[in-house]
C-alpha atoms as a PDB file:
ATOM      1  CA  MET A   1       0.000   0.000   0.000  1.00  0.00           C
ATOM      2  CA  SER A   2       1.132   3.549  -0.649  1.00  0.00           C
ATOM      3  CA  ASP A   3       2.836   5.634   2.032  1.00  0.00           C
ATOM      4  CA  ASP A   4       0.556   8.536   1.105  1.00  0.00           C
ATOM      5  CA  PRO A   5      -1.942   9.047   3.974  1.00  0.00           C
ATOM      6  CA  LEU A   6      -4.771  10.065   1.653  1.00  0.00           C
ATOM      7  CA  SER A   7      -4.287   6.950  -0.492  1.00  0.00           C
ATOM      8  CA  GLN A   8      -4.226   4.785   2.628  1.00  0.00           C
ATOM      9  CA  THR A   9      -7.456   6.364   3.850  1.00  0.00           C
ATOM     10  CA  PHE A  10      -9.277   5.828   0.561  1.00  0.00           C
ATOM     11  CA  ALA A  11      -7.930   2.262   0.264  1.00  0.00           C
ATOM     12  CA  ALA A  12      -9.152   1.470   3.788  1.00  0.00           C
ATOM     13  CA  LEU A  13     -12.563   2.994   3.040  1.00  0.00           C
ATOM     14  CA  ALA A  14     -12.890   0.975  -0.166  1.00  0.00           C
ATOM     15  CA  ASP A  15     -14.126  -2.075   1.755  1.00  0.00           C
ATOM     16  CA  PRO A  16     -17.720  -2.100   3.080  1.00  0.00           C
ATOM     17  CA  THR A  17     -16.772  -4.167   6.154  1.00  0.00           C
ATOM     18  CA  ARG A  18     -14.167  -1.622   7.166  1.00  0.00           C
ATOM     19  CA  ARG A  19     -16.634   1.213   6.653  1.00  0.00           C
ATOM     20  CA  ALA A  20     -19.153  -0.616   8.854  1.00  0.00           C
ATOM     21  CA  ILE A  21     -16.496  -1.101  11.531  1.00  0.00           C
ATOM     22  CA  LEU A  22     -15.792   2.639  11.478  1.00  0.00           C
ATOM     23  CA  VAL A  23     -19.499   3.361  11.897  1.00  0.00           C
ATOM     24  CA  GLN A  24     -19.520   1.112  14.981  1.00  0.00           C
ATOM     25  CA  LEU A  25     -16.415   2.786  16.406  1.00  0.00           C
ATOM     26  CA  ALA A  26     -17.813   6.270  15.785  1.00  0.00           C
ATOM     27  CA  LYS A  27     -20.443   5.336  18.395  1.00  0.00           C
ATOM     28  CA  GLY A  28     -17.785   4.451  20.957  1.00  0.00           C
ATOM     29  CA  VAL A  29     -14.878   2.245  21.947  1.00  0.00           C
ATOM     30  CA  ALA A  30     -15.249  -1.478  21.184  1.00  0.00           C
ATOM     31  CA  THR A  31     -13.270  -4.699  21.394  1.00  0.00           C
ATOM     32  CA  VAL A  32     -12.508  -6.972  18.449  1.00  0.00           C
ATOM     33  CA  ASN A  33     -15.199  -9.398  19.636  1.00  0.00           C
ATOM     34  CA  GLU A  34     -17.770  -6.605  19.831  1.00  0.00           C
ATOM     35  CA  LEU A  35     -16.795  -5.355  16.380  1.00  0.00           C
ATOM     36  CA  ALA A  36     -17.016  -8.879  14.929  1.00  0.00           C
ATOM     37  CA  GLU A  37     -20.560  -9.548  16.229  1.00  0.00           C
ATOM     38  CA  PRO A  38     -22.562  -8.134  13.295  1.00  0.00           C
ATOM     39  CA  PHE A  39     -20.414  -9.845  10.646  1.00  0.00           C
ATOM     40  CA  ASP A  40     -20.521 -13.382   9.355  1.00  0.00           C
ATOM     41  CA  ILE A  41     -16.720 -13.569   9.164  1.00  0.00           C
ATOM     42  CA  SER A  42     -14.015 -14.965  11.417  1.00  0.00           C
ATOM     43  CA  LEU A  43     -12.273 -13.014  14.166  1.00  0.00           C
ATOM     44  CA  GLN A  44      -9.106 -13.402  12.115  1.00  0.00           C
ATOM     45  CA  ALA A  45     -10.777 -11.654   9.158  1.00  0.00           C
ATOM     46  CA  VAL A  46     -11.987  -8.826  11.424  1.00  0.00           C
ATOM     47  CA  SER A  47      -8.450  -8.507  12.805  1.00  0.00           C
ATOM     48  CA  LYS A  48      -7.093  -8.142   9.268  1.00  0.00           C
ATOM     49  CA  HIS A  49      -9.599  -5.368   8.583  1.00  0.00           C
ATOM     50  CA  LEU A  50      -8.574  -3.670  11.827  1.00  0.00           C
ATOM     51  CA  LYS A  51      -4.904  -3.813  10.806  1.00  0.00           C
ATOM     52  CA  VAL A  52      -5.739  -2.012   7.546  1.00  0.00           C
ATOM     53  CA  LEU A  53      -7.751   0.624   9.423  1.00  0.00           C
ATOM     54  CA  GLU A  54      -4.958   1.019  11.966  1.00  0.00           C
ATOM     55  CA  GLY A  55      -2.352   1.300   9.204  1.00  0.00           C
ATOM     56  CA  ALA A  56      -4.395   4.117   7.656  1.00  0.00           C
ATOM     57  CA  GLY A  57      -4.585   5.843  11.043  1.00  0.00           C
ATOM     58  CA  LEU A  58      -8.387   5.516  11.151  1.00  0.00           C
ATOM     59  CA  ILE A  59      -8.347   3.559  14.406  1.00  0.00           C
ATOM     60  CA  SER A  60      -6.020   3.075  17.330  1.00  0.00           C
ATOM     61  CA  ARG A  61      -5.875   0.130  19.686  1.00  0.00           C
ATOM     62  CA  GLY A  62      -5.139   0.279  23.356  1.00  0.00           C
ATOM     63  CA  ARG A  63      -4.069  -2.403  25.747  1.00  0.00           C
ATOM     64  CA  ASP A  64      -5.364  -2.925  29.241  1.00  0.00           C
ATOM     65  CA  ALA A  65      -4.353  -6.441  30.315  1.00  0.00           C
ATOM     66  CA  GLN A  66      -6.428  -8.734  28.081  1.00  0.00           C
ATOM     67  CA  TYR A  67      -8.760  -5.901  27.061  1.00  0.00           C
ATOM     68  CA  ARG A  68      -7.736  -4.377  23.703  1.00  0.00           C
ATOM     69  CA  PRO A  69     -10.138  -1.523  23.000  1.00  0.00           C
ATOM     70  CA  CYS A  70     -10.333  -0.003  19.528  1.00  0.00           C
ATOM     71  CA  HIS A  71     -10.849   3.736  19.124  1.00  0.00           C
ATOM     72  CA  PHE A  72     -12.006   5.728  16.100  1.00  0.00           C
ATOM     73  CA  GLU A  73      -9.482   8.342  14.924  1.00  0.00           C
ATOM     74  CA  PRO A  74     -11.200  10.996  12.756  1.00  0.00           C
ATOM     75  CA  ALA A  75      -8.149  12.946  11.512  1.00  0.00           C
ATOM     76  CA  PRO A  76      -7.608  10.885   8.309  1.00  0.00           C
ATOM     77  CA  LEU A  77     -11.296  11.277   7.410  1.00  0.00           C
ATOM     78  CA  GLU A  78     -11.006  15.019   7.893  1.00  0.00           C
ATOM     79  CA  LEU A  79      -8.051  15.036   5.483  1.00  0.00           C
ATOM     80  CA  ALA A  80     -10.101  13.064   2.934  1.00  0.00           C
ATOM     81  CA  THR A  81     -13.118  15.336   3.411  1.00  0.00           C
ATOM     82  CA  ASP A  82     -10.967  18.427   2.875  1.00  0.00           C
ATOM     83  CA  TRP A  83      -9.517  16.928  -0.314  1.00  0.00           C
ATOM     84  CA  ILE A  84     -12.996  16.064  -1.619  1.00  0.00           C
ATOM     85  CA  ALA A  85     -14.324  19.549  -0.790  1.00  0.00           C
ATOM     86  CA  ARG A  86     -11.443  21.271  -2.611  1.00  0.00           C
ATOM     87  CA  ASN A  87     -11.881  19.100  -5.679  1.00  0.00           C
ATOM     88  CA  ARG A  88     -15.684  19.276  -5.613  1.00  0.00           C
ATOM     89  CA  GLU A  89     -15.412  22.976  -6.527  1.00  0.00           C
ATOM     90  CA  ILE A  90     -13.251  22.146  -9.545  1.00  0.00           C
ATOM     91  CA  TRP A  91     -15.564  19.329 -10.627  1.00  0.00           C
ATOM     92  CA  ALA A  92     -18.673  21.507 -10.217  1.00  0.00           C
ATOM     93  CA  GLU A  93     -17.093  24.246 -12.315  1.00  0.00           C
ATOM     94  CA  ARG A  94     -16.200  21.766 -15.060  1.00  0.00           C
ATOM     95  CA  PHE A  95     -19.697  20.294 -15.052  1.00  0.00           C
ATOM     96  CA  ASP A  96     -21.131  23.809 -15.315  1.00  0.00           C
ATOM     97  CA  GLN A  97     -18.866  24.483 -18.288  1.00  0.00           C
ATOM     98  CA  LEU A  98     -19.953  21.207 -19.892  1.00  0.00           C
ATOM     99  CA  GLU A  99     -23.614  22.046 -19.313  1.00  0.00           C
ATOM    100  CA  HIS A 100     -23.126  25.472 -20.904  1.00  0.00           C
ATOM    101  CA  HIS A 101     -21.349  23.891 -23.886  1.00  0.00           C
ATOM    102  CA  LEU A 102     -24.105  21.313 -24.392  1.00  0.00           C
ATOM    103  CA  LYS A 103     -26.800  23.991 -24.246  1.00  0.00           C
ATOM    104  CA  GLN A 104     -24.899  25.996 -26.832  1.00  0.00           C
ATOM    105  CA  LEU A 105     -24.616  22.945 -29.078  1.00  0.00           C
ATOM    106  CA  THR A 106     -28.359  22.370 -28.755  1.00  0.00           C
ATOM    107  CA  LYS A 107     -29.110  25.998 -29.664  1.00  0.00           C
ATOM    108  CA  ASP A 108     -26.748  25.817 -32.662  1.00  0.00           C
ATOM    109  CA  LYS A 109     -28.397  22.572 -33.813  1.00  0.00           C
ATOM    110  CA  GLU A 110     -31.864  24.135 -33.523  1.00  0.00           C
ATOM    111  CA  LYS A 111     -30.731  27.139 -35.629  1.00  0.00           C
ATOM    112  CA  GLU A 112     -29.553  24.776 -38.355  1.00  0.00           C
ATOM    113  CA  LEU A 113     -33.003  23.171 -38.575  1.00  0.00           C
END
């Protein structure tokens, strides 16, 4: 996986299971067993998803004896949201230009008829 934090965030968010895990963690701290409950996958599979999320900085894991709580870390999502917001303006402007161009083409076509 890329060392670029934004790429790591988007790669981690690409999987629906990982997104669902983040939704759970946004509600509060949870253990691996608690996070695995709603899924029909093994604890090992959930642990692999958690490693990807942790690698992207989207979660952190603590240690308190045998209790290993997982915490949601919002900073990478804020970075992704900022990137999307900046680019949304560019995309909106380009779509507006395309719309204007298509309307002009339609008007020109109507004049020809």
